[in-house]
Amino acid sequence: MKYRIVDKTVLYRGFFELDAYTVEHETVAGGWQRITREHLERGDAVAVLLYDPQYDEVLLLQQFRIGPAVRGEDPWLTEIVAGIVDAGESLETAAIRECEEEAGFRPRRLLPLGHYYATPGGSSERLFLFLGEVDKDRPTGSGGGQQDEQEDIRLCWVPREQAMGMLQQGRINSGAPMMAILLAFGCPAAATSQAGG
């Protein structure tokens, strides 16, 4: 099916960019329709699930997020290392930089897990997921995030099976860690049986 961008109007420029696009596209029934959609541009991002295979543990992070706070929910989400890819930066370089800044570890190996559109109805942001192998006894720094970015991050090593259980219990409810855990380690058996029955 075909589409064409007819017009773009700048609505906001700041840390994010907001534009309104007028688009014409072919319809399922045949013919064309014209729509206007707002688009939030924030660039691509990387997210890394840090894993120590010797201990069979993953590193989870907790930090404040405005989205849940606005909804009146617990804003301290359980997440994994993540951040925006800077202009001209490779995905791997961004992933390593974020691991050092947020977690204080430099992965000895990065395994790509895949990528997805975070919110395709309103943004072109793609999130590239990695499994990063580290030795938890050999950090390269203190982590905790960048003060100039007002990051305040708590780090917590947990057994892989416990992380899978947290996912199953709904204690991990942010997209990147959910996807990374499932792609790296598969679906928990109980979650699969609940979905089927």
N, C-alpha and C. Protein backbone atom coordinates (compact mmCIF):
# COMPACT_ATOMS: atom_id res chain seq x y z
N MET A 1 0.85 -1.19 0.00
CA MET A 1 0.00 0.00 0.00
C MET A 1 0.89 1.25 0.00
N LYS A 2 0.41 2.28 -0.62
CA LYS A 2 1.20 3.49 -0.80
C LYS A 2 0.73 4.61 0.14
N TYR A 3 1.66 5.55 0.39
CA TYR A 3 1.33 6.74 1.17
C TYR A 3 2.19 7.89 0.68
N ARG A 4 1.78 9.11 1.03
CA ARG A 4 2.61 10.27 0.75
C ARG A 4 2.41 11.31 1.84
N ILE A 5 3.50 11.96 2.22
CA ILE A 5 3.43 13.05 3.20
C ILE A 5 3.14 14.33 2.44
N VAL A 6 2.05 14.97 2.82
CA VAL A 6 1.57 16.16 2.11
C VAL A 6 2.09 17.44 2.77
N ASP A 7 2.16 17.43 4.11
CA ASP A 7 2.54 18.67 4.80
C ASP A 7 3.12 18.32 6.16
N LYS A 8 4.00 19.19 6.66
CA LYS A 8 4.58 19.05 8.00
C LYS A 8 4.57 20.42 8.66
N THR A 9 4.01 20.49 9.88
CA THR A 9 3.96 21.74 10.64
C THR A 9 4.70 21.55 11.95
N VAL A 10 5.66 22.42 12.23
CA VAL A 10 6.40 22.36 13.49
C VAL A 10 5.52 22.88 14.61
N LEU A 11 5.35 22.07 15.66
CA LEU A 11 4.54 22.45 16.81
C LEU A 11 5.38 22.82 18.03
N TYR A 12 6.54 22.15 18.20
CA TYR A 12 7.36 22.38 19.40
C TYR A 12 8.78 21.91 19.14
N ARG A 13 9.75 22.64 19.67
CA ARG A 13 11.14 22.23 19.66
C ARG A 13 11.69 22.41 21.06
N GLY A 14 12.23 21.36 21.63
CA GLY A 14 12.84 21.36 22.95
C GLY A 14 13.67 20.10 23.07
N PHE A 15 13.65 19.44 24.24
CA PHE A 15 14.34 18.15 24.38
C PHE A 15 13.78 17.17 23.37
N PHE A 16 12.46 17.23 23.17
CA PHE A 16 11.78 16.46 22.12
C PHE A 16 11.33 17.43 21.03
N GLU A 17 10.95 16.88 19.88
CA GLU A 17 10.38 17.67 18.80
C GLU A 17 8.98 17.15 18.53
N LEU A 18 8.03 18.07 18.35
CA LEU A 18 6.66 17.70 18.04
C LEU A 18 6.25 18.37 16.74
N ASP A 19 5.79 17.55 15.78
CA ASP A 19 5.34 18.05 14.49
C ASP A 19 3.97 17.47 14.17
N ALA A 20 3.23 18.16 13.32
CA ALA A 20 1.97 17.63 12.80
C ALA A 20 2.19 17.30 11.33
N TYR A 21 1.87 16.07 10.97
CA TYR A 21 2.01 15.62 9.58
C TYR A 21 0.63 15.41 8.97
N THR A 22 0.46 15.90 7.76
CA THR A 22 -0.71 15.56 6.97
C THR A 22 -0.25 14.52 5.96
N VAL A 23 -0.95 13.39 5.96
CA VAL A 23 -0.55 12.24 5.15
C VAL A 23 -1.75 11.76 4.36
N GLU A 24 -1.50 11.32 3.14
CA GLU A 24 -2.51 10.63 2.35
C GLU A 24 -2.02 9.20 2.17
N HIS A 25 -2.96 8.23 2.36
CA HIS A 25 -2.56 6.84 2.18
C HIS A 25 -3.71 6.03 1.59
N GLU A 26 -3.33 4.96 0.91
CA GLU A 26 -4.32 4.05 0.36
C GLU A 26 -5.07 3.38 1.50
N THR A 27 -6.34 3.08 1.29
CA THR A 27 -7.15 2.43 2.31
C THR A 27 -7.31 0.95 1.98
N VAL A 28 -7.68 0.19 2.99
CA VAL A 28 -7.90 -1.25 2.83
C VAL A 28 -9.01 -1.50 1.82
N ALA A 29 -10.05 -0.68 1.86
CA ALA A 29 -11.20 -0.86 0.97
C ALA A 29 -10.95 -0.36 -0.45
N GLY A 30 -9.80 0.31 -0.66
CA GLY A 30 -9.51 0.90 -1.96
C GLY A 30 -9.68 2.41 -1.87
N GLY A 31 -9.00 3.13 -2.71
CA GLY A 31 -9.06 4.59 -2.66
C GLY A 31 -8.00 5.15 -1.73
N TRP A 32 -8.17 6.43 -1.42
CA TRP A 32 -7.21 7.15 -0.58
C TRP A 32 -7.94 7.90 0.52
N GLN A 33 -7.23 8.16 1.62
CA GLN A 33 -7.76 9.06 2.65
C GLN A 33 -6.64 9.97 3.14
N ARG A 34 -7.04 11.16 3.61
CA ARG A 34 -6.10 12.15 4.14
C ARG A 34 -6.30 12.23 5.64
N ILE A 35 -5.19 12.15 6.39
CA ILE A 35 -5.23 12.23 7.85
C ILE A 35 -4.16 13.19 8.34
N THR A 36 -4.34 13.71 9.54
CA THR A 36 -3.32 14.51 10.20
C THR A 36 -2.97 13.83 11.52
N ARG A 37 -1.68 13.65 11.75
CA ARG A 37 -1.20 12.99 12.96
C ARG A 37 -0.07 13.79 13.56
N GLU A 38 -0.08 13.90 14.90
CA GLU A 38 1.04 14.52 15.59
C GLU A 38 2.12 13.47 15.79
N HIS A 39 3.36 13.90 15.64
CA HIS A 39 4.50 12.99 15.72
C HIS A 39 5.54 13.53 16.69
N LEU A 40 5.89 12.73 17.70
CA LEU A 40 6.90 13.09 18.69
C LEU A 40 8.23 12.47 18.25
N GLU A 41 9.22 13.30 18.01
CA GLU A 41 10.55 12.83 17.60
C GLU A 41 11.50 12.89 18.79
N ARG A 42 12.09 11.75 19.11
CA ARG A 42 13.08 11.74 20.19
C ARG A 42 14.30 10.92 19.81
N GLY A 43 14.36 10.45 18.56
CA GLY A 43 15.50 9.68 18.11
C GLY A 43 15.39 8.22 18.53
N ASP A 44 16.37 7.44 18.14
CA ASP A 44 16.40 6.03 18.52
C ASP A 44 17.05 5.86 19.88
N ALA A 45 16.80 4.70 20.49
CA ALA A 45 17.34 4.43 21.82
C ALA A 45 17.86 2.99 21.87
N VAL A 46 18.69 2.74 22.86
CA VAL A 46 19.19 1.40 23.14
C VAL A 46 18.77 1.02 24.55
N ALA A 47 18.63 -0.27 24.78
CA ALA A 47 18.37 -0.79 26.13
C ALA A 47 19.16 -2.08 26.29
N VAL A 48 19.81 -2.23 27.44
CA VAL A 48 20.71 -3.37 27.67
C VAL A 48 20.33 -4.08 28.96
N LEU A 49 20.06 -5.37 28.83
CA LEU A 49 19.86 -6.23 29.99
C LEU A 49 21.22 -6.80 30.36
N LEU A 50 21.78 -6.32 31.47
CA LEU A 50 23.09 -6.80 31.91
C LEU A 50 22.93 -8.13 32.63
N TYR A 51 23.79 -9.08 32.29
CA TYR A 51 23.67 -10.45 32.77
C TYR A 51 25.05 -10.99 33.13
N ASP A 52 25.14 -11.60 34.33
CA ASP A 52 26.35 -12.30 34.74
C ASP A 52 26.07 -13.80 34.65
N PRO A 53 26.60 -14.49 33.63
CA PRO A 53 26.30 -15.91 33.46
C PRO A 53 26.86 -16.79 34.57
N GLN A 54 27.94 -16.35 35.22
CA GLN A 54 28.52 -17.15 36.30
C GLN A 54 27.56 -17.23 37.49
N TYR A 55 26.95 -16.11 37.85
CA TYR A 55 25.99 -16.08 38.96
C TYR A 55 24.56 -16.34 38.49
N ASP A 56 24.33 -16.28 37.19
CA ASP A 56 22.99 -16.39 36.60
C ASP A 56 22.08 -15.30 37.18
N GLU A 57 22.59 -14.06 37.16
CA GLU A 57 21.86 -12.91 37.69
C GLU A 57 21.80 -11.80 36.65
N VAL A 58 20.74 -10.99 36.74
CA VAL A 58 20.59 -9.81 35.89
C VAL A 58 20.59 -8.56 36.76
N LEU A 59 20.99 -7.45 36.16
CA LEU A 59 21.01 -6.18 36.87
C LEU A 59 19.77 -5.38 36.49
N LEU A 60 18.93 -5.10 37.48
CA LEU A 60 17.74 -4.28 37.27
C LEU A 60 17.97 -2.91 37.89
N LEU A 61 17.34 -1.90 37.31
CA LEU A 61 17.48 -0.53 37.77
C LEU A 61 16.12 -0.01 38.21
N GLN A 62 16.13 0.89 39.17
CA GLN A 62 14.90 1.60 39.53
C GLN A 62 15.17 3.08 39.43
N GLN A 63 14.24 3.79 38.77
CA GLN A 63 14.35 5.24 38.69
C GLN A 63 12.98 5.87 38.51
N PHE A 64 12.91 7.14 38.84
CA PHE A 64 11.66 7.89 38.76
C PHE A 64 11.29 8.13 37.31
N ARG A 65 9.99 7.92 36.99
CA ARG A 65 9.47 8.18 35.64
C ARG A 65 8.21 9.02 35.74
N ILE A 66 8.15 10.08 34.94
CA ILE A 66 7.04 11.03 35.01
C ILE A 66 5.71 10.41 34.55
N GLY A 67 5.74 9.49 33.58
CA GLY A 67 4.50 8.92 33.06
C GLY A 67 3.62 8.31 34.14
N PRO A 68 4.13 7.35 34.92
CA PRO A 68 3.31 6.78 35.98
C PRO A 68 2.95 7.80 37.07
N ALA A 69 3.85 8.76 37.35
CA ALA A 69 3.56 9.77 38.37
C ALA A 69 2.34 10.59 37.98
N VAL A 70 2.23 10.96 36.70
CA VAL A 70 1.09 11.74 36.23
C VAL A 70 -0.21 10.96 36.40
N ARG A 71 -0.13 9.63 36.29
CA ARG A 71 -1.31 8.77 36.46
C ARG A 71 -1.60 8.46 37.93
N GLY A 72 -0.74 8.92 38.84
CA GLY A 72 -0.94 8.63 40.26
C GLY A 72 -0.49 7.23 40.64
N GLU A 73 0.34 6.61 39.78
CA GLU A 73 0.86 5.27 40.07
C GLU A 73 2.29 5.38 40.58
N ASP A 74 2.83 4.27 41.06
CA ASP A 74 4.20 4.23 41.57
C ASP A 74 5.16 4.62 40.44
N PRO A 75 5.87 5.75 40.59
CA PRO A 75 6.74 6.20 39.51
C PRO A 75 8.14 5.57 39.51
N TRP A 76 8.44 4.73 40.50
CA TRP A 76 9.76 4.10 40.58
C TRP A 76 9.71 2.78 39.82
N LEU A 77 9.94 2.84 38.51
CA LEU A 77 9.82 1.67 37.66
C LEU A 77 11.08 0.80 37.72
N THR A 78 10.87 -0.51 37.60
CA THR A 78 11.98 -1.45 37.48
C THR A 78 12.31 -1.56 36.01
N GLU A 79 13.54 -1.22 35.68
CA GLU A 79 13.95 -1.11 34.28
C GLU A 79 15.31 -1.75 34.06
N ILE A 80 15.84 -1.55 32.87
CA ILE A 80 17.20 -1.95 32.54
C ILE A 80 17.93 -0.72 32.00
N VAL A 81 19.22 -0.84 31.80
CA VAL A 81 20.00 0.27 31.24
C VAL A 81 19.37 0.69 29.91
N ALA A 82 19.20 2.00 29.71
CA ALA A 82 18.62 2.49 28.46
C ALA A 82 18.99 3.95 28.26
N GLY A 83 18.99 4.36 26.99
CA GLY A 83 19.25 5.76 26.70
C GLY A 83 19.18 6.06 25.22
N ILE A 84 19.16 7.33 24.92
CA ILE A 84 19.06 7.82 23.54
C ILE A 84 20.40 7.66 22.83
N VAL A 85 20.36 7.28 21.56
CA VAL A 85 21.55 7.20 20.73
C VAL A 85 21.89 8.61 20.26
N ASP A 86 23.09 9.07 20.57
CA ASP A 86 23.51 10.42 20.16
C ASP A 86 23.75 10.46 18.65
N ALA A 87 23.66 11.65 18.08
CA ALA A 87 23.89 11.83 16.64
C ALA A 87 25.28 11.32 16.27
N GLY A 88 25.36 10.48 15.23
CA GLY A 88 26.62 9.94 14.75
C GLY A 88 27.17 8.78 15.56
N GLU A 89 26.45 8.36 16.59
CA GLU A 89 26.91 7.30 17.48
C GLU A 89 26.35 5.96 17.01
N SER A 90 27.17 4.91 17.04
CA SER A 90 26.66 3.58 16.69
C SER A 90 25.81 3.04 17.84
N LEU A 91 24.98 2.07 17.53
CA LEU A 91 24.14 1.46 18.56
C LEU A 91 25.00 0.84 19.65
N GLU A 92 26.06 0.14 19.27
CA GLU A 92 26.93 -0.53 20.25
C GLU A 92 27.64 0.48 21.14
N THR A 93 28.12 1.56 20.55
CA THR A 93 28.79 2.60 21.33
C THR A 93 27.83 3.23 22.33
N ALA A 94 26.60 3.50 21.89
CA ALA A 94 25.59 4.06 22.78
C ALA A 94 25.28 3.09 23.92
N ALA A 95 25.16 1.81 23.59
CA ALA A 95 24.84 0.80 24.60
C ALA A 95 25.93 0.73 25.65
N ILE A 96 27.18 0.72 25.22
CA ILE A 96 28.30 0.64 26.16
C ILE A 96 28.35 1.90 27.02
N ARG A 97 28.18 3.07 26.39
CA ARG A 97 28.19 4.34 27.14
C ARG A 97 27.11 4.34 28.22
N GLU A 98 25.90 3.94 27.85
CA GLU A 98 24.81 3.93 28.83
C GLU A 98 25.08 2.93 29.96
N CYS A 99 25.66 1.78 29.64
CA CYS A 99 25.98 0.79 30.68
C CYS A 99 26.95 1.36 31.69
N GLU A 100 27.96 2.07 31.20
CA GLU A 100 28.95 2.66 32.10
C GLU A 100 28.34 3.78 32.93
N GLU A 101 27.52 4.64 32.29
CA GLU A 101 26.92 5.77 33.00
C GLU A 101 25.90 5.32 34.04
N GLU A 102 25.00 4.44 33.64
CA GLU A 102 23.87 4.09 34.51
C GLU A 102 24.19 2.95 35.48
N ALA A 103 25.03 2.00 35.05
CA ALA A 103 25.23 0.80 35.86
C ALA A 103 26.66 0.62 36.36
N GLY A 104 27.62 1.32 35.75
CA GLY A 104 29.01 1.15 36.17
C GLY A 104 29.64 -0.13 35.66
N PHE A 105 29.17 -0.65 34.53
CA PHE A 105 29.73 -1.86 33.93
C PHE A 105 29.96 -1.64 32.44
N ARG A 106 31.04 -2.27 31.94
CA ARG A 106 31.32 -2.29 30.51
C ARG A 106 31.15 -3.73 30.04
N PRO A 107 30.13 -4.02 29.25
CA PRO A 107 29.89 -5.39 28.82
C PRO A 107 31.08 -5.95 28.04
N ARG A 108 31.44 -7.20 28.35
CA ARG A 108 32.51 -7.86 27.58
C ARG A 108 31.97 -8.39 26.26
N ARG A 109 30.64 -8.54 26.20
CA ARG A 109 29.99 -8.98 24.97
C ARG A 109 28.58 -8.40 24.93
N LEU A 110 28.18 -7.88 23.76
CA LEU A 110 26.83 -7.37 23.53
C LEU A 110 26.16 -8.26 22.49
N LEU A 111 25.04 -8.84 22.85
CA LEU A 111 24.29 -9.69 21.93
C LEU A 111 23.00 -8.98 21.54
N PRO A 112 22.83 -8.65 20.25
CA PRO A 112 21.58 -8.00 19.82
C PRO A 112 20.39 -8.93 20.03
N LEU A 113 19.31 -8.39 20.59
CA LEU A 113 18.09 -9.16 20.82
C LEU A 113 16.98 -8.80 19.84
N GLY A 114 17.11 -7.66 19.18
CA GLY A 114 16.07 -7.20 18.26
C GLY A 114 15.74 -5.74 18.51
N HIS A 115 14.78 -5.24 17.77
CA HIS A 115 14.34 -3.86 18.00
C HIS A 115 12.85 -3.76 17.71
N TYR A 116 12.25 -2.68 18.24
CA TYR A 116 10.82 -2.46 18.05
C TYR A 116 10.51 -0.97 18.11
N TYR A 117 9.37 -0.60 17.57
CA TYR A 117 8.88 0.77 17.70
C TYR A 117 8.19 0.91 19.06
N ALA A 118 8.63 1.88 19.86
CA ALA A 118 8.10 2.04 21.21
C ALA A 118 6.62 2.43 21.20
N THR A 119 6.26 3.44 20.43
CA THR A 119 4.87 3.91 20.32
C THR A 119 4.63 4.37 18.89
N PRO A 120 4.42 3.42 17.96
CA PRO A 120 4.35 3.77 16.54
C PRO A 120 3.16 4.64 16.15
N GLY A 121 2.15 4.75 16.99
CA GLY A 121 1.02 5.61 16.69
C GLY A 121 1.33 7.08 16.82
N GLY A 122 2.48 7.42 17.43
CA GLY A 122 2.78 8.84 17.62
C GLY A 122 4.26 9.18 17.60
N SER A 123 5.14 8.17 17.36
CA SER A 123 6.57 8.43 17.39
C SER A 123 7.31 7.45 16.48
N SER A 124 8.42 7.91 15.91
CA SER A 124 9.25 7.03 15.08
C SER A 124 10.39 6.41 15.89
N GLU A 125 10.39 6.61 17.20
CA GLU A 125 11.46 6.06 18.03
C GLU A 125 11.51 4.53 17.94
N ARG A 126 12.71 4.02 17.67
CA ARG A 126 12.96 2.58 17.71
C ARG A 126 13.84 2.29 18.91
N LEU A 127 13.58 1.18 19.57
CA LEU A 127 14.36 0.76 20.72
C LEU A 127 15.11 -0.51 20.35
N PHE A 128 16.43 -0.45 20.41
CA PHE A 128 17.30 -1.57 20.07
C PHE A 128 17.73 -2.25 21.36
N LEU A 129 17.43 -3.53 21.48
CA LEU A 129 17.67 -4.29 22.70
C LEU A 129 18.93 -5.15 22.60
N PHE A 130 19.66 -5.22 23.70
CA PHE A 130 20.87 -6.03 23.78
C PHE A 130 20.90 -6.80 25.10
N LEU A 131 21.57 -7.94 25.08
CA LEU A 131 21.97 -8.65 26.29
C LEU A 131 23.45 -8.37 26.46
N GLY A 132 23.83 -7.80 27.59
CA GLY A 132 25.23 -7.47 27.84
C GLY A 132 25.80 -8.36 28.91
N GLU A 133 26.82 -9.13 28.57
CA GLU A 133 27.46 -10.02 29.54
C GLU A 133 28.53 -9.26 30.31
N VAL A 134 28.47 -9.40 31.64
CA VAL A 134 29.42 -8.73 32.52
C VAL A 134 29.81 -9.68 33.66
N ASP A 135 30.85 -9.29 34.37
CA ASP A 135 31.24 -9.96 35.63
C ASP A 135 30.83 -9.00 36.74
N LYS A 136 29.82 -9.39 37.51
CA LYS A 136 29.28 -8.45 38.52
C LYS A 136 30.30 -8.09 39.59
N ASP A 137 31.36 -8.88 39.74
CA ASP A 137 32.40 -8.58 40.72
C ASP A 137 33.45 -7.61 40.18
N ARG A 138 33.30 -7.19 38.91
CA ARG A 138 34.29 -6.30 38.30
C ARG A 138 33.64 -5.08 37.66
N PRO A 139 33.01 -4.21 38.44
CA PRO A 139 32.46 -2.98 37.87
C PRO A 139 33.58 -2.07 37.38
N THR A 140 33.26 -1.21 36.44
CA THR A 140 34.23 -0.24 35.94
C THR A 140 33.98 1.15 36.50
N GLY A 141 32.90 1.30 37.25
CA GLY A 141 32.55 2.59 37.84
C GLY A 141 31.42 2.40 38.84
N SER A 142 30.89 3.51 39.33
CA SER A 142 29.84 3.43 40.36
C SER A 142 28.44 3.39 39.77
N GLY A 143 28.28 3.82 38.51
CA GLY A 143 26.94 3.84 37.91
C GLY A 143 26.06 4.86 38.59
N GLY A 144 24.76 4.65 38.51
CA GLY A 144 23.81 5.55 39.15
C GLY A 144 23.31 6.67 38.27
N GLY A 145 23.86 6.78 37.04
CA GLY A 145 23.38 7.81 36.12
C GLY A 145 24.22 9.06 36.13
N GLN A 146 23.83 9.99 35.27
CA GLN A 146 24.54 11.25 35.10
C GLN A 146 23.84 12.34 35.90
N GLN A 147 24.58 13.01 36.78
CA GLN A 147 23.98 14.09 37.57
C GLN A 147 23.50 15.23 36.70
N ASP A 148 24.24 15.53 35.61
CA ASP A 148 23.82 16.65 34.76
C ASP A 148 22.55 16.33 33.98
N GLU A 149 22.14 15.04 33.95
CA GLU A 149 20.88 14.64 33.34
C GLU A 149 19.82 14.38 34.41
N GLN A 150 20.16 14.69 35.65
CA GLN A 150 19.27 14.52 36.81
C GLN A 150 18.81 13.07 36.96
N GLU A 151 19.71 12.14 36.64
CA GLU A 151 19.39 10.72 36.82
C GLU A 151 19.70 10.32 38.26
N ASP A 152 18.85 9.50 38.82
CA ASP A 152 19.01 9.01 40.19
C ASP A 152 18.58 7.53 40.16
N ILE A 153 19.56 6.64 40.01
CA ILE A 153 19.27 5.24 39.69
C ILE A 153 19.74 4.31 40.79
N ARG A 154 18.85 3.43 41.20
CA ARG A 154 19.17 2.36 42.16
C ARG A 154 19.46 1.09 41.37
N LEU A 155 20.54 0.39 41.72
CA LEU A 155 20.94 -0.84 41.04
C LEU A 155 20.66 -2.04 41.92
N CYS A 156 20.20 -3.13 41.31
CA CYS A 156 19.87 -4.32 42.09
C CYS A 156 20.11 -5.58 41.26
N TRP A 157 21.07 -6.40 41.69
CA TRP A 157 21.29 -7.70 41.06
C TRP A 157 20.27 -8.69 41.58
N VAL A 158 19.62 -9.41 40.68
CA VAL A 158 18.65 -10.43 41.09
C VAL A 158 18.88 -11.70 40.26
N PRO A 159 18.59 -12.87 40.83
CA PRO A 159 18.69 -14.10 40.04
C PRO A 159 17.78 -14.02 38.81
N ARG A 160 18.24 -14.61 37.72
CA ARG A 160 17.47 -14.59 36.47
C ARG A 160 16.05 -15.12 36.68
N GLU A 161 15.91 -16.20 37.43
CA GLU A 161 14.58 -16.76 37.67
C GLU A 161 13.69 -15.80 38.45
N GLN A 162 14.28 -15.04 39.37
CA GLN A 162 13.50 -14.05 40.12
C GLN A 162 13.02 -12.94 39.19
N ALA A 163 13.88 -12.51 38.26
CA ALA A 163 13.47 -11.48 37.29
C ALA A 163 12.33 -12.00 36.44
N MET A 164 12.40 -13.27 36.04
CA MET A 164 11.30 -13.87 35.25
C MET A 164 10.02 -13.88 36.08
N GLY A 165 10.14 -14.19 37.37
CA GLY A 165 8.97 -14.18 38.26
C GLY A 165 8.40 -12.79 38.43
N MET A 166 9.26 -11.79 38.55
CA MET A 166 8.81 -10.40 38.67
C MET A 166 8.03 -9.99 37.43
N LEU A 167 8.50 -10.44 36.28
CA LEU A 167 7.80 -10.15 35.03
C LEU A 167 6.42 -10.80 35.03
N GLN A 168 6.37 -12.04 35.44
CA GLN A 168 5.11 -12.78 35.48
C GLN A 168 4.11 -12.16 36.46
N GLN A 169 4.62 -11.61 37.57
CA GLN A 169 3.76 -11.03 38.60
C GLN A 169 3.35 -9.58 38.29
N GLY A 170 3.85 -9.04 37.19
CA GLY A 170 3.51 -7.66 36.84
C GLY A 170 4.32 -6.63 37.58
N ARG A 171 5.42 -7.03 38.21
CA ARG A 171 6.27 -6.09 38.94
C ARG A 171 7.24 -5.37 38.02
N ILE A 172 7.39 -5.87 36.81
CA ILE A 172 8.14 -5.18 35.77
C ILE A 172 7.12 -4.82 34.70
N ASN A 173 6.85 -3.52 34.57
CA ASN A 173 5.79 -3.10 33.65
C ASN A 173 6.22 -1.98 32.71
N SER A 174 7.47 -2.02 32.33
CA SER A 174 8.01 -1.10 31.35
C SER A 174 8.45 -1.94 30.14
N GLY A 175 8.20 -1.45 28.94
CA GLY A 175 8.39 -2.25 27.74
C GLY A 175 9.77 -2.83 27.52
N ALA A 176 10.83 -2.02 27.65
CA ALA A 176 12.18 -2.50 27.33
C ALA A 176 12.60 -3.68 28.20
N PRO A 177 12.47 -3.61 29.53
CA PRO A 177 12.88 -4.78 30.31
C PRO A 177 11.99 -6.00 30.06
N MET A 178 10.71 -5.77 29.84
CA MET A 178 9.83 -6.91 29.54
C MET A 178 10.29 -7.62 28.28
N MET A 179 10.50 -6.86 27.21
CA MET A 179 10.91 -7.44 25.94
C MET A 179 12.28 -8.09 26.04
N ALA A 180 13.23 -7.42 26.68
CA ALA A 180 14.60 -7.95 26.77
C ALA A 180 14.64 -9.26 27.54
N ILE A 181 13.94 -9.32 28.66
CA ILE A 181 13.92 -10.56 29.45
C ILE A 181 13.30 -11.70 28.65
N LEU A 182 12.18 -11.42 28.00
CA LEU A 182 11.52 -12.47 27.21
C LEU A 182 12.37 -12.91 26.02
N LEU A 183 13.01 -11.96 25.34
CA LEU A 183 13.84 -12.32 24.19
C LEU A 183 15.11 -13.04 24.61
N ALA A 184 15.68 -12.67 25.74
CA ALA A 184 16.93 -13.28 26.19
C ALA A 184 16.71 -14.65 26.81
N PHE A 185 15.63 -14.80 27.57
CA PHE A 185 15.47 -16.02 28.37
C PHE A 185 14.18 -16.79 28.10
N GLY A 186 13.32 -16.29 27.23
CA GLY A 186 12.08 -16.99 26.91
C GLY A 186 10.96 -16.67 27.87
N CYS A 187 9.78 -17.19 27.55
CA CYS A 187 8.58 -16.94 28.35
C CYS A 187 8.59 -17.83 29.59
N PRO A 188 8.22 -17.27 30.76
CA PRO A 188 8.05 -18.11 31.93
C PRO A 188 6.93 -19.12 31.68
N ALA A 189 7.11 -20.36 32.12
CA ALA A 189 6.14 -21.43 31.88
C ALA A 189 4.76 -21.07 32.43
N ALA A 190 4.73 -20.49 33.61
CA ALA A 190 3.42 -20.18 34.23
C ALA A 190 2.69 -19.10 33.43
N ALA A 191 3.44 -18.11 32.91
CA ALA A 191 2.79 -17.06 32.13
C ALA A 191 2.22 -17.65 30.84
N THR A 192 2.93 -18.60 30.25
CA THR A 192 2.45 -19.24 29.03
C THR A 192 1.19 -20.04 29.31
N SER A 193 1.18 -20.76 30.43
CA SER A 193 -0.02 -21.58 30.73
C SER A 193 -1.20 -20.70 31.10
N GLN A 194 -0.97 -19.56 31.76
CA GLN A 194 -2.07 -18.65 32.10
C GLN A 194 -2.67 -18.06 30.83
N ALA A 195 -1.81 -17.71 29.87
CA ALA A 195 -2.31 -17.13 28.63
C ALA A 195 -3.14 -18.14 27.86
N GLY A 196 -2.79 -19.41 27.97
CA GLY A 196 -3.51 -20.42 27.22
C GLY A 196 -4.73 -20.95 27.93
N GLY A 197 -4.87 -20.69 29.21
CA GLY A 197 -5.99 -21.31 29.89
C GLY A 197 -6.79 -20.43 30.74
